[in-house]
């Protein structure tokens, strides 16, 4: 089954060097804190963590604006906790094959992964051609054309910055109100 989704790859930039310099225990503490923040932001923004990839993860969103807000919220909330490491990410939107019920295969998946690899420091990169709409408070700045391994030509890319609008749903309310019958 082919489904339209936005795919996000996120990586803690500098993790390998940090581990070598400070040891496995220190790296494990940062990774644990990072994963806690990823889970919280994913839940708040309505995106799904598809899989953990060592010091990063793959996230899937039905709505592109939710994926963009997730990335920027994650960057903001993890910056102090994960210092001196930074978060880099790549996003891409398109149809992908839902494979064996729990994985995705397709060009958008590959592009998001390659963009994350290409990102430096705190970059959140996305192809210009994939932008549907930017959430309020988010800006896209042209990075220019980049060559990505496995893709036939240069791809025009933007860096996403800004602070997305606050979440308008209070999940605490779901646990305290009278159930609907």
Foldseek 3Di string as FASTA:
>chain_A
DKDKKKKKKKAFPCLVVCCVVPHDVVSVQLLVVLVVLLVVLCVLLVWAFLAADVRITMIIGNDPQSVLQSLASSQVVSVVSNPPIGMFMFMFIDIWDCPPPRDTDDDRNLRRVQRSVVDDGHWYKYFPVRDPDYAPFKDWAWPQWDDGPPDDDTTTMTTIDGHGDDRPDDVVCVVPDDDDD
